[in-house]
PDB file of N, CA and C in Angstrom:
ATOM      1  N   MET A   1      85.069  41.784 -11.768  1.00  0.00           N
ATOM      2  CA  MET A   1      84.488  41.704 -13.370  1.00  0.00           C
ATOM      3  C   MET A   1      84.643  40.090 -14.353  1.00  0.00           C
ATOM      4  N   THR A   2      82.978  39.711 -13.990  1.00  0.00           N
ATOM      5  CA  THR A   2      83.314  38.096 -13.849  1.00  0.00           C
ATOM      6  C   THR A   2      83.225  37.234 -15.459  1.00  0.00           C
ATOM      7  N   THR A   3      83.774  36.768 -15.775  1.00  0.00           N
ATOM      8  CA  THR A   3      82.969  36.575 -17.243  1.00  0.00           C
ATOM      9  C   THR A   3      82.346  35.190 -17.150  1.00  0.00           C
ATOM     10  N   LYS A   4      80.953  35.353 -17.900  1.00  0.00           N
ATOM     11  CA  LYS A   4      79.932  34.583 -17.954  1.00  0.00           C
ATOM     12  C   LYS A   4      80.509  32.818 -18.766  1.00  0.00           C
ATOM     13  N   LYS A   5      79.891  32.051 -18.144  1.00  0.00           N
ATOM     14  CA  LYS A   5      81.040  30.854 -19.150  1.00  0.00           C
ATOM     15  C   LYS A   5      80.062  30.577 -19.575  1.00  0.00           C
ATOM     16  N   PRO A   6      80.433  29.440 -20.753  1.00  0.00           N
ATOM     17  CA  PRO A   6      79.307  29.577 -22.161  1.00  0.00           C
ATOM     18  C   PRO A   6      78.741  28.095 -21.382  1.00  0.00           C
ATOM     19  N   THR A   7      77.453  28.333 -21.625  1.00  0.00           N
ATOM     20  CA  THR A   7      76.471  26.873 -21.744  1.00  0.00           C
ATOM     21  C   THR A   7      75.755  26.380 -22.508  1.00  0.00           C
ATOM     22  N   PRO A   8      75.697  25.378 -23.385  1.00  0.00           N
ATOM     23  CA  PRO A   8      75.916  25.046 -24.233  1.00  0.00           C
ATOM     24  C   PRO A   8      73.675  24.053 -24.108  1.00  0.00           C
ATOM     25  N   THR A   9      72.955  25.164 -25.489  1.00  0.00           N
ATOM     26  CA  THR A   9      71.731  24.194 -24.604  1.00  0.00           C
ATOM     27  C   THR A   9      71.568  22.979 -25.271  1.00  0.00           C
ATOM     28  N   LEU A  10      69.905  22.832 -24.326  1.00  0.00           N
ATOM     29  CA  LEU A  10      69.742  21.311 -25.646  1.00  0.00           C
ATOM     30  C   LEU A  10      69.651  20.993 -26.660  1.00  0.00           C
ATOM     31  N   SER A  11      69.127  22.314 -27.783  1.00  0.00           N
ATOM     32  CA  SER A  11      69.177  22.765 -28.773  1.00  0.00           C
ATOM     33  C   SER A  11      70.183  22.328 -29.383  1.00  0.00           C
ATOM     34  N   LEU A  12      71.260  22.979 -29.026  1.00  0.00           N
ATOM     35  CA  LEU A  12      72.676  22.640 -29.682  1.00  0.00           C
ATOM     36  C   LEU A  12      72.833  21.765 -29.452  1.00  0.00           C
ATOM     37  N   LEU A  13      73.277  20.856 -28.492  1.00  0.00           N
ATOM     38  CA  LEU A  13      73.738  19.719 -28.236  1.00  0.00           C
ATOM     39  C   LEU A  13      73.112  18.115 -29.386  1.00  0.00           C
ATOM     40  N   LYS A  14      71.382  18.746 -29.529  1.00  0.00           N
ATOM     41  CA  LYS A  14      70.588  17.378 -30.841  1.00  0.00           C
ATOM     42  C   LYS A  14      71.345  18.119 -31.504  1.00  0.00           C
ATOM     43  N   SER A  15      71.709  19.523 -31.947  1.00  0.00           N
ATOM     44  CA  SER A  15      72.040  19.936 -33.486  1.00  0.00           C
ATOM     45  C   SER A  15      72.974  18.788 -34.049  1.00  0.00           C
ATOM     46  N   PHE A  16      74.110  19.249 -32.911  1.00  0.00           N
ATOM     47  CA  PHE A  16      75.518  18.570 -33.759  1.00  0.00           C
ATOM     48  C   PHE A  16      75.408  17.258 -33.335  1.00  0.00           C
ATOM     49  N   TYR A  17      74.547  16.622 -32.340  1.00  0.00           N
ATOM     50  CA  TYR A  17      74.560  15.209 -31.894  1.00  0.00           C
ATOM     51  C   TYR A  17      73.900  14.590 -33.323  1.00  0.00           C
ATOM     52  N   GLU A  18      73.026  14.979 -34.082  1.00  0.00           N
ATOM     53  CA  GLU A  18      72.676  15.321 -35.214  1.00  0.00           C
ATOM     54  C   GLU A  18      72.980  14.503 -36.587  1.00  0.00           C
ATOM     55  N   VAL A  19      73.327  15.774 -36.302  1.00  0.00           N
ATOM     56  CA  VAL A  19      74.946  15.961 -37.665  1.00  0.00           C
ATOM     57  C   VAL A  19      75.726  15.004 -37.302  1.00  0.00           C
ATOM     58  N   GLY A  20      76.857  14.668 -36.108  1.00  0.00           N
ATOM     59  CA  GLY A  20      77.671  13.738 -36.057  1.00  0.00           C
ATOM     60  C   GLY A  20      76.512  12.072 -36.505  1.00  0.00           C
ATOM     61  N   ARG A  21      76.255  12.385 -36.028  1.00  0.00           N
ATOM     62  CA  ARG A  21      75.274  10.897 -36.119  1.00  0.00           C
ATOM     63  C   ARG A  21      74.431  10.271 -38.043  1.00  0.00           C
ATOM     64  N   SER A  22      74.064  11.328 -38.957  1.00  0.00           N
ATOM     65  CA  SER A  22      74.262  11.278 -40.114  1.00  0.00           C
ATOM     66  C   SER A  22      75.171  12.214 -40.770  1.00  0.00           C
ATOM     67  N   ARG A  23      75.960  12.715 -40.383  1.00  0.00           N
ATOM     68  CA  ARG A  23      76.616  13.456 -41.021  1.00  0.00           C
ATOM     69  C   ARG A  23      76.690  14.246 -42.017  1.00  0.00           C
ATOM     70  N   SER A  24      75.867  14.816 -41.946  1.00  0.00           N
ATOM     71  CA  SER A  24      74.889  15.885 -42.833  1.00  0.00           C
ATOM     72  C   SER A  24      74.205  16.655 -42.467  1.00  0.00           C
ATOM     73  N   PHE A  25      74.331  17.849 -42.763  1.00  0.00           N
ATOM     74  CA  PHE A  25      72.953  18.963 -41.914  1.00  0.00           C
ATOM     75  C   PHE A  25      71.237  18.715 -42.439  1.00  0.00           C
ATOM     76  N   LYS A  26      71.756  18.552 -44.333  1.00  0.00           N
ATOM     77  CA  LYS A  26      70.782  18.742 -44.091  1.00  0.00           C
ATOM     78  C   LYS A  26      70.103  17.445 -43.786  1.00  0.00           C
ATOM     79  N   GLN A  27      70.039  16.295 -43.633  1.00  0.00           N
ATOM     80  CA  GLN A  27      69.403  15.088 -42.869  1.00  0.00           C
ATOM     81  C   GLN A  27      69.068  15.496 -41.544  1.00  0.00           C
ATOM     82  N   ALA A  28      69.928  15.846 -40.456  1.00  0.00           N
ATOM     83  CA  ALA A  28      69.705  16.386 -39.143  1.00  0.00           C
ATOM     84  C   ALA A  28      68.606  17.156 -39.595  1.00  0.00           C
ATOM     85  N   ALA A  29      68.951  18.357 -40.048  1.00  0.00           N
ATOM     86  CA  ALA A  29      67.606  19.621 -40.271  1.00  0.00           C
ATOM     87  C   ALA A  29      66.051  18.349 -40.805  1.00  0.00           C
ATOM     88  N   GLU A  30      66.085  17.751 -41.023  1.00  0.00           N
ATOM     89  CA  GLU A  30      64.503  17.129 -41.588  1.00  0.00           C
ATOM     90  C   GLU A  30      64.601  15.787 -40.340  1.00  0.00           C
ATOM     91  N   ASN A  31      65.562  15.168 -39.872  1.00  0.00           N
ATOM     92  CA  ASN A  31      65.809  14.156 -38.647  1.00  0.00           C
ATOM     93  C   ASN A  31      64.830  15.128 -37.746  1.00  0.00           C
ATOM     94  N   LEU A  32      65.186  16.643 -37.100  1.00  0.00           N
ATOM     95  CA  LEU A  32      64.690  17.249 -36.120  1.00  0.00           C
ATOM     96  C   LEU A  32      63.672  18.232 -36.232  1.00  0.00           C
ATOM     97  N   GLY A  33      63.194  18.060 -37.581  1.00  0.00           N
ATOM     98  CA  GLY A  33      62.038  18.963 -37.756  1.00  0.00           C
ATOM     99  C   GLY A  33      62.539  20.702 -38.037  1.00  0.00           C
ATOM    100  N   LEU A  34      64.110  20.837 -38.501  1.00  0.00           N
ATOM    101  CA  LEU A  34      63.785  21.675 -38.481  1.00  0.00           C
ATOM    102  C   LEU A  34      64.434  23.000 -39.506  1.00  0.00           C
ATOM    103  N   SER A  35      64.503  23.769 -40.010  1.00  0.00           N
ATOM    104  CA  SER A  35      65.642  23.842 -41.574  1.00  0.00           C
ATOM    105  C   SER A  35      67.128  24.243 -41.366  1.00  0.00           C
ATOM    106  N   GLN A  36      67.504  24.185 -42.630  1.00  0.00           N
ATOM    107  CA  GLN A  36      68.870  23.528 -43.068  1.00  0.00           C
ATOM    108  C   GLN A  36      69.935  24.818 -41.580  1.00  0.00           C
ATOM    109  N   PRO A  37      69.816  26.023 -42.205  1.00  0.00           N
ATOM    110  CA  PRO A  37      70.112  26.865 -42.072  1.00  0.00           C
ATOM    111  C   PRO A  37      70.344  27.017 -40.350  1.00  0.00           C
ATOM    112  N   THR A  38      68.910  26.828 -39.255  1.00  0.00           N
ATOM    113  CA  THR A  38      69.191  26.276 -37.991  1.00  0.00           C
ATOM    114  C   THR A  38      70.001  25.709 -37.715  1.00  0.00           C
ATOM    115  N   ILE A  39      70.384  24.072 -38.379  1.00  0.00           N
ATOM    116  CA  ILE A  39      71.115  23.658 -38.466  1.00  0.00           C
ATOM    117  C   ILE A  39      72.247  23.588 -38.188  1.00  0.00           C
ATOM    118  N   ILE A  40      72.872  24.597 -39.229  1.00  0.00           N
ATOM    119  CA  ILE A  40      74.176  25.664 -39.530  1.00  0.00           C
ATOM    120  C   ILE A  40      74.542  26.735 -38.737  1.00  0.00           C
ATOM    121  N   LYS A  41      73.843  27.066 -38.202  1.00  0.00           N
ATOM    122  CA  LYS A  41      74.027  28.206 -37.329  1.00  0.00           C
ATOM    123  C   LYS A  41      74.165  27.304 -35.984  1.00  0.00           C
ATOM    124  N   GLN A  42      72.699  26.530 -34.899  1.00  0.00           N
ATOM    125  CA  GLN A  42      73.960  26.085 -33.963  1.00  0.00           C
ATOM    126  C   GLN A  42      74.317  25.272 -33.734  1.00  0.00           C
ATOM    127  N   VAL A  43      75.079  24.366 -34.848  1.00  0.00           N
ATOM    128  CA  VAL A  43      76.374  23.636 -34.431  1.00  0.00           C
ATOM    129  C   VAL A  43      77.069  25.075 -34.338  1.00  0.00           C
ATOM    130  N   GLY A  44      77.251  26.159 -35.354  1.00  0.00           N
ATOM    131  CA  GLY A  44      78.473  26.699 -35.156  1.00  0.00           C
ATOM    132  C   GLY A  44      78.421  27.980 -34.686  1.00  0.00           C
ATOM    133  N   GLU A  45      77.138  28.257 -33.474  1.00  0.00           N
ATOM    134  CA  GLU A  45      77.464  28.418 -32.185  1.00  0.00           C
ATOM    135  C   GLU A  45      77.648  27.537 -31.054  1.00  0.00           C
ATOM    136  N   LEU A  46      77.487  25.662 -31.333  1.00  0.00           N
ATOM    137  CA  LEU A  46      78.238  25.414 -30.406  1.00  0.00           C
ATOM    138  C   LEU A  46      79.777  25.754 -30.076  1.00  0.00           C
ATOM    139  N   GLU A  47      80.229  25.411 -31.576  1.00  0.00           N
ATOM    140  CA  GLU A  47      81.918  25.419 -31.982  1.00  0.00           C
ATOM    141  C   GLU A  47      82.956  27.514 -31.644  1.00  0.00           C
ATOM    142  N   GLN A  48      81.583  28.084 -31.504  1.00  0.00           N
ATOM    143  CA  GLN A  48      81.659  29.206 -31.701  1.00  0.00           C
ATOM    144  C   GLN A  48      82.087  29.567 -29.729  1.00  0.00           C
ATOM    145  N   GLN A  49      81.332  29.058 -28.877  1.00  0.00           N
ATOM    146  CA  GLN A  49      81.000  29.700 -27.559  1.00  0.00           C
ATOM    147  C   GLN A  49      82.396  28.609 -26.808  1.00  0.00           C
ATOM    148  N   TYR A  50      82.459  27.156 -26.902  1.00  0.00           N
ATOM    149  CA  TYR A  50      83.741  26.426 -27.324  1.00  0.00           C
ATOM    150  C   TYR A  50      85.189  27.077 -27.895  1.00  0.00           C
ATOM    151  N   ASN A  51      85.388  27.669 -28.725  1.00  0.00           N
ATOM    152  CA  ASN A  51      86.053  27.747 -30.084  1.00  0.00           C
ATOM    153  C   ASN A  51      87.067  26.860 -30.036  1.00  0.00           C
ATOM    154  N   ALA A  52      85.849  25.839 -30.669  1.00  0.00           N
ATOM    155  CA  ALA A  52      86.294  24.579 -30.878  1.00  0.00           C
ATOM    156  C   ALA A  52      86.277  24.780 -32.201  1.00  0.00           C
ATOM    157  N   LYS A  53      86.506  23.281 -33.105  1.00  0.00           N
ATOM    158  CA  LYS A  53      85.663  22.698 -34.133  1.00  0.00           C
ATOM    159  C   LYS A  53      85.613  21.374 -34.100  1.00  0.00           C
ATOM    160  N   LEU A  54      84.571  21.021 -34.176  1.00  0.00           N
ATOM    161  CA  LEU A  54      83.266  20.205 -34.334  1.00  0.00           C
ATOM    162  C   LEU A  54      83.659  19.067 -35.518  1.00  0.00           C
ATOM    163  N   PHE A  55      83.735  19.625 -36.729  1.00  0.00           N
ATOM    164  CA  PHE A  55      83.164  19.317 -37.623  1.00  0.00           C
ATOM    165  C   PHE A  55      84.426  19.087 -38.846  1.00  0.00           C
ATOM    166  N   THR A  56      85.138  18.235 -39.805  1.00  0.00           N
ATOM    167  CA  THR A  56      85.250  18.678 -40.794  1.00  0.00           C
ATOM    168  C   THR A  56      84.691  18.694 -41.920  1.00  0.00           C
ATOM    169  N   ARG A  57      84.510  19.310 -42.437  1.00  0.00           N
ATOM    170  CA  ARG A  57      82.810  20.258 -43.127  1.00  0.00           C
ATOM    171  C   ARG A  57      83.373  19.626 -44.545  1.00  0.00           C
ATOM    172  N   GLY A  58      82.493  18.912 -45.736  1.00  0.00           N
ATOM    173  CA  GLY A  58      82.904  18.558 -47.284  1.00  0.00           C
ATOM    174  C   GLY A  58      81.251  19.029 -47.277  1.00  0.00           C
ATOM    175  N   ARG A  59      81.916  18.778 -48.897  1.00  0.00           N
ATOM    176  CA  ARG A  59      80.790  19.076 -49.681  1.00  0.00           C
ATOM    177  C   ARG A  59      79.563  17.794 -49.562  1.00  0.00           C
ATOM    178  N   ASN A  60      79.594  16.566 -49.504  1.00  0.00           N
ATOM    179  CA  ASN A  60      78.545  15.658 -49.502  1.00  0.00           C
ATOM    180  C   ASN A  60      78.647  15.102 -48.379  1.00  0.00           C
ATOM    181  N   ASN A  61      79.698  15.578 -47.529  1.00  0.00           N
ATOM    182  CA  ASN A  61      80.018  14.157 -45.806  1.00  0.00           C
ATOM    183  C   ASN A  61      81.089  15.455 -45.181  1.00  0.00           C
ATOM    184  N   ASN A  62      79.936  15.468 -44.024  1.00  0.00           N
ATOM    185  CA  ASN A  62      81.016  16.340 -42.528  1.00  0.00           C
ATOM    186  C   ASN A  62      81.505  14.780 -41.788  1.00  0.00           C
ATOM    187  N   ARG A  63      82.485  15.232 -41.732  1.00  0.00           N
ATOM    188  CA  ARG A  63      83.031  14.554 -40.426  1.00  0.00           C
ATOM    189  C   ARG A  63      83.780  15.158 -39.447  1.00  0.00           C
ATOM    190  N   LEU A  64      83.581  13.849 -38.100  1.00  0.00           N
ATOM    191  CA  LEU A  64      83.337  14.247 -36.874  1.00  0.00           C
ATOM    192  C   LEU A  64      84.684  14.791 -36.539  1.00  0.00           C
ATOM    193  N   THR A  65      85.800  15.440 -35.761  1.00  0.00           N
ATOM    194  CA  THR A  65      87.312  15.841 -35.822  1.00  0.00           C
ATOM    195  C   THR A  65      87.251  14.984 -33.904  1.00  0.00           C
ATOM    196  N   ASP A  66      88.526  14.417 -34.037  1.00  0.00           N
ATOM    197  CA  ASP A  66      88.176  14.188 -32.735  1.00  0.00           C
ATOM    198  C   ASP A  66      88.027  15.142 -31.478  1.00  0.00           C
ATOM    199  N   LEU A  67      87.937  15.811 -31.544  1.00  0.00           N
ATOM    200  CA  LEU A  67      86.878  16.906 -30.116  1.00  0.00           C
ATOM    201  C   LEU A  67      85.509  16.237 -30.155  1.00  0.00           C
ATOM    202  N   GLY A  68      85.002  16.238 -31.437  1.00  0.00           N
ATOM    203  CA  GLY A  68      83.889  15.889 -31.840  1.00  0.00           C
ATOM    204  C   GLY A  68      82.935  14.291 -31.984  1.00  0.00           C
ATOM    205  N   LEU A  69      84.394  13.587 -31.631  1.00  0.00           N
ATOM    206  CA  LEU A  69      84.322  11.854 -31.792  1.00  0.00           C
ATOM    207  C   LEU A  69      84.020  11.954 -30.096  1.00  0.00           C
ATOM    208  N   GLN A  70      84.663  13.484 -29.245  1.00  0.00           N
ATOM    209  CA  GLN A  70      85.143  12.666 -27.818  1.00  0.00           C
ATOM    210  C   GLN A  70      83.820  13.034 -27.635  1.00  0.00           C
ATOM    211  N   LEU A  71      82.841  13.748 -27.912  1.00  0.00           N
ATOM    212  CA  LEU A  71      81.743  14.956 -27.780  1.00  0.00           C
ATOM    213  C   LEU A  71      80.418  13.795 -27.561  1.00  0.00           C
ATOM    214  N   MET A  72      80.509  13.018 -28.704  1.00  0.00           N
ATOM    215  CA  MET A  72      79.024  12.461 -29.221  1.00  0.00           C
ATOM    216  C   MET A  72      78.415  11.366 -27.725  1.00  0.00           C
ATOM    217  N   PRO A  73      79.385  11.183 -27.553  1.00  0.00           N
ATOM    218  CA  PRO A  73      78.895   9.488 -26.220  1.00  0.00           C
ATOM    219  C   PRO A  73      77.898  10.864 -25.017  1.00  0.00           C
ATOM    220  N   LEU A  74      79.155  11.845 -24.755  1.00  0.00           N
ATOM    221  CA  LEU A  74      78.687  12.521 -23.711  1.00  0.00           C
ATOM    222  C   LEU A  74      76.703  13.354 -24.103  1.00  0.00           C
ATOM    223  N   CYS A  75      76.843  13.735 -25.647  1.00  0.00           N
ATOM    224  CA  CYS A  75      75.729  14.589 -25.907  1.00  0.00           C
ATOM    225  C   CYS A  75      74.858  13.342 -26.336  1.00  0.00           C
ATOM    226  N   ARG A  76      75.009  12.900 -26.777  1.00  0.00           N
ATOM    227  CA  ARG A  76      74.010  11.369 -26.773  1.00  0.00           C
ATOM    228  C   ARG A  76      73.311  11.134 -25.065  1.00  0.00           C
ATOM    229  N   SER A  77      74.459  10.967 -23.507  1.00  0.00           N
ATOM    230  CA  SER A  77      73.102  10.664 -22.132  1.00  0.00           C
ATOM    231  C   SER A  77      73.410  12.135 -22.071  1.00  0.00           C
ATOM    232  N   VAL A  78      73.489  12.983 -22.583  1.00  0.00           N
ATOM    233  CA  VAL A  78      72.504  13.666 -21.839  1.00  0.00           C
ATOM    234  C   VAL A  78      70.912  14.036 -22.599  1.00  0.00           C
ATOM    235  N   ILE A  79      70.749  13.250 -23.039  1.00  0.00           N
ATOM    236  CA  ILE A  79      69.931  13.579 -25.181  1.00  0.00           C
ATOM    237  C   ILE A  79      68.675  12.931 -23.927  1.00  0.00           C
ATOM    238  N   ASN A  80      69.641  11.192 -23.693  1.00  0.00           N
ATOM    239  CA  ASN A  80      68.684  10.760 -23.290  1.00  0.00           C
ATOM    240  C   ASN A  80      68.247  10.478 -21.593  1.00  0.00           C
ATOM    241  N   GLY A  81      69.330  11.322 -20.341  1.00  0.00           N
ATOM    242  CA  GLY A  81      68.991  11.673 -19.160  1.00  0.00           C
ATOM    243  C   GLY A  81      67.957  12.668 -19.763  1.00  0.00           C
ATOM    244  N   VAL A  82      67.590  13.403 -20.694  1.00  0.00           N
ATOM    245  CA  VAL A  82      66.811  14.485 -20.868  1.00  0.00           C
ATOM    246  C   VAL A  82      64.947  13.450 -21.035  1.00  0.00           C
ATOM    247  N   LYS A  83      65.319  12.933 -22.301  1.00  0.00           N
ATOM    248  CA  LYS A  83      64.304  11.894 -22.341  1.00  0.00           C
ATOM    249  C   LYS A  83      63.629  10.746 -20.919  1.00  0.00           C
ATOM    250  N   GLU A  84      64.481  10.960 -20.052  1.00  0.00           N
ATOM    251  CA  GLU A  84      64.214  10.385 -19.618  1.00  0.00           C
ATOM    252  C   GLU A  84      63.631  10.406 -17.827  1.00  0.00           C
ATOM    253  N   ILE A  85      63.367  11.974 -18.112  1.00  0.00           N
ATOM    254  CA  ILE A  85      62.886  12.326 -17.115  1.00  0.00           C
ATOM    255  C   ILE A  85      61.880  12.993 -18.003  1.00  0.00           C
ATOM    256  N   ASP A  86      61.718  13.487 -18.872  1.00  0.00           N
ATOM    257  CA  ASP A  86      60.504  13.417 -19.290  1.00  0.00           C
ATOM    258  C   ASP A  86      59.505  12.534 -18.892  1.00  0.00           C
ATOM    259  N   GLU A  87      59.890  11.419 -19.191  1.00  0.00           N
ATOM    260  CA  GLU A  87      59.026  10.137 -19.020  1.00  0.00           C
ATOM    261  C   GLU A  87      58.923  10.160 -17.864  1.00  0.00           C
ATOM    262  N   PHE A  88      59.504  10.167 -16.954  1.00  0.00           N
ATOM    263  CA  PHE A  88      59.132  10.053 -15.637  1.00  0.00           C
ATOM    264  C   PHE A  88      58.465  11.397 -15.289  1.00  0.00           C
ATOM    265  N   MET A  89      58.442  12.255 -15.351  1.00  0.00           N
ATOM    266  CA  MET A  89      57.376  13.189 -15.188  1.00  0.00           C
ATOM    267  C   MET A  89      56.039  12.713 -15.617  1.00  0.00           C
ATOM    268  N   GLN A  90      56.234  12.636 -17.664  1.00  0.00           N
ATOM    269  CA  GLN A  90      54.466  12.526 -18.153  1.00  0.00           C
ATOM    270  C   GLN A  90      54.332  11.439 -17.008  1.00  0.00           C
ATOM    271  N   SER A  91      54.739  10.139 -16.937  1.00  0.00           N
ATOM    272  CA  SER A  91      54.000   9.099 -15.926  1.00  0.00           C
ATOM    273  C   SER A  91      53.499   9.229 -15.054  1.00  0.00           C
ATOM    274  N   HIS A  92      54.609  10.153 -14.842  1.00  0.00           N
ATOM    275  CA  HIS A  92      54.514  10.671 -12.853  1.00  0.00           C
ATOM    276  C   HIS A  92      53.232  10.818 -12.915  1.00  0.00           C
ATOM    277  N   GLY A  93      52.207  11.922 -12.954  1.00  0.00           N
ATOM    278  CA  GLY A  93      51.079  12.783 -12.946  1.00  0.00           C
ATOM    279  C   GLY A  93      49.985  11.003 -13.168  1.00  0.00           C
ATOM    280  N   LYS A  94      50.292  10.279 -13.741  1.00  0.00           N
ATOM    281  CA  LYS A  94      49.004   9.418 -14.333  1.00  0.00           C
ATOM    282  C   LYS A  94      49.176   8.725 -13.156  1.00  0.00           C
ATOM    283  N   LEU A  95      49.803   8.424 -12.227  1.00  0.00           N
ATOM    284  CA  LEU A  95      50.011   7.219 -11.051  1.00  0.00           C
ATOM    285  C   LEU A  95      48.753   7.313 -10.184  1.00  0.00           C
ATOM    286  N   ILE A  96      48.565   6.889 -10.008  1.00  0.00           N
ATOM    287  CA  ILE A  96      47.988   6.933  -8.303  1.00  0.00           C
ATOM    288  C   ILE A  96      48.915   6.227  -7.501  1.00  0.00           C
ATOM    289  N   HIS A  97      49.014   7.302  -5.902  1.00  0.00           N
ATOM    290  CA  HIS A  97      49.448   6.749  -4.692  1.00  0.00           C
ATOM    291  C   HIS A  97      48.930   6.479  -4.330  1.00  0.00           C
ATOM    292  N   GLY A  98      49.523   5.875  -3.002  1.00  0.00           N
ATOM    293  CA  GLY A  98      48.854   4.772  -1.984  1.00  0.00           C
ATOM    294  C   GLY A  98      48.266   4.044  -1.417  1.00  0.00           C
ATOM    295  N   THR A  99      47.450   4.351  -0.183  1.00  0.00           N
ATOM    296  CA  THR A  99      47.334   1.950   0.290  1.00  0.00           C
ATOM    297  C   THR A  99      45.997   1.472  -0.155  1.00  0.00           C
ATOM    298  N   LEU A 100      46.051   0.314  -1.058  1.00  0.00           N
ATOM    299  CA  LEU A 100      44.829   0.289  -1.509  1.00  0.00           C
ATOM    300  C   LEU A 100      44.524  -0.857  -0.152  1.00  0.00           C
ATOM    301  N   THR A 101      43.554  -1.138   0.035  1.00  0.00           N
ATOM    302  CA  THR A 101      42.911  -2.049   1.113  1.00  0.00           C
ATOM    303  C   THR A 101      41.694  -2.750   0.985  1.00  0.00           C
ATOM    304  N   ILE A 102      42.348  -4.007   0.890  1.00  0.00           N
ATOM    305  CA  ILE A 102      40.778  -5.253   0.191  1.00  0.00           C
ATOM    306  C   ILE A 102      40.653  -6.239   1.255  1.00  0.00           C
ATOM    307  N   ALA A 103      39.258  -5.895   1.639  1.00  0.00           N
ATOM    308  CA  ALA A 103      38.969  -6.923   2.623  1.00  0.00           C
ATOM    309  C   ALA A 103      37.869  -8.042   1.982  1.00  0.00           C
ATOM    310  N   ALA A 104      37.841  -9.272   2.845  1.00  0.00           N
ATOM    311  CA  ALA A 104      36.853 -10.779   2.082  1.00  0.00           C
ATOM    312  C   ALA A 104      36.285 -10.478   3.450  1.00  0.00           C
ATOM    313  N   VAL A 105      34.801 -10.776   3.840  1.00  0.00           N
ATOM    314  CA  VAL A 105      34.298 -10.886   4.333  1.00  0.00           C
ATOM    315  C   VAL A 105      33.805 -12.395   4.137  1.00  0.00           C
ATOM    316  N   SER A 106      33.916 -14.048   4.444  1.00  0.00           N
ATOM    317  CA  SER A 106      33.293 -15.186   4.888  1.00  0.00           C
ATOM    318  C   SER A 106      32.270 -15.356   4.909  1.00  0.00           C
ATOM    319  N   PRO A 107      30.992 -16.173   4.236  1.00  0.00           N
ATOM    320  CA  PRO A 107      29.758 -15.934   4.995  1.00  0.00           C
ATOM    321  C   PRO A 107      30.093 -17.014   5.993  1.00  0.00           C
ATOM    322  N   ILE A 108      28.474 -16.310   6.472  1.00  0.00           N
ATOM    323  CA  ILE A 108      28.348 -16.803   7.222  1.00  0.00           C
ATOM    324  C   ILE A 108      27.529 -18.499   8.192  1.00  0.00           C
ATOM    325  N   THR A 109      26.641 -18.415   6.347  1.00  0.00           N
ATOM    326  CA  THR A 109      26.535 -19.506   7.190  1.00  0.00           C
ATOM    327  C   THR A 109      27.394 -20.301   5.136  1.00  0.00           C
ATOM    328  N   SER A 110      27.400 -21.887   5.688  1.00  0.00           N
ATOM    329  CA  SER A 110      28.073 -22.449   3.665  1.00  0.00           C
ATOM    330  C   SER A 110      26.928 -22.965   3.128  1.00  0.00           C
ATOM    331  N   PRO A 111      27.126 -22.690   1.706  1.00  0.00           N
ATOM    332  CA  PRO A 111      26.005 -23.046   0.526  1.00  0.00           C
ATOM    333  C   PRO A 111      26.110 -24.467   0.951  1.00  0.00           C
ATOM    334  N   LYS A 112      24.711 -25.046   1.035  1.00  0.00           N
ATOM    335  CA  LYS A 112      24.012 -26.480   1.375  1.00  0.00           C
ATOM    336  C   LYS A 112      24.202 -27.261   0.059  1.00  0.00           C
ATOM    337  N   PRO A 113      24.085 -28.435  -0.031  1.00  0.00           N
ATOM    338  CA  PRO A 113      24.771 -29.060  -1.516  1.00  0.00           C
ATOM    339  C   PRO A 113      23.355 -29.202  -2.327  1.00  0.00           C
TER     340      PRO A 113
END
């Protein structure tokens, strides 16, 4: 029997990244348009998936652990990569592909002065 490897979802990574950036679960929730309990749950789920502590939690400040600090740029790359994919796919539907040929016919006679 094989065990399934944990796979973080984009929403878990976004929640972690936003808490790491703002150092606040409340601010992260506001920035992402989610509830604070949802953010807390998602960060906890990410920590549980990897049995890793990503934050040192404090009353008014949540500090990233060394592991959390190392994870931040990776999350930023993933989040930006997904944004680029979305922008590419959105613009792809608006583009017209093909060849445009323009021809011009010169006048048979030149205009008289």
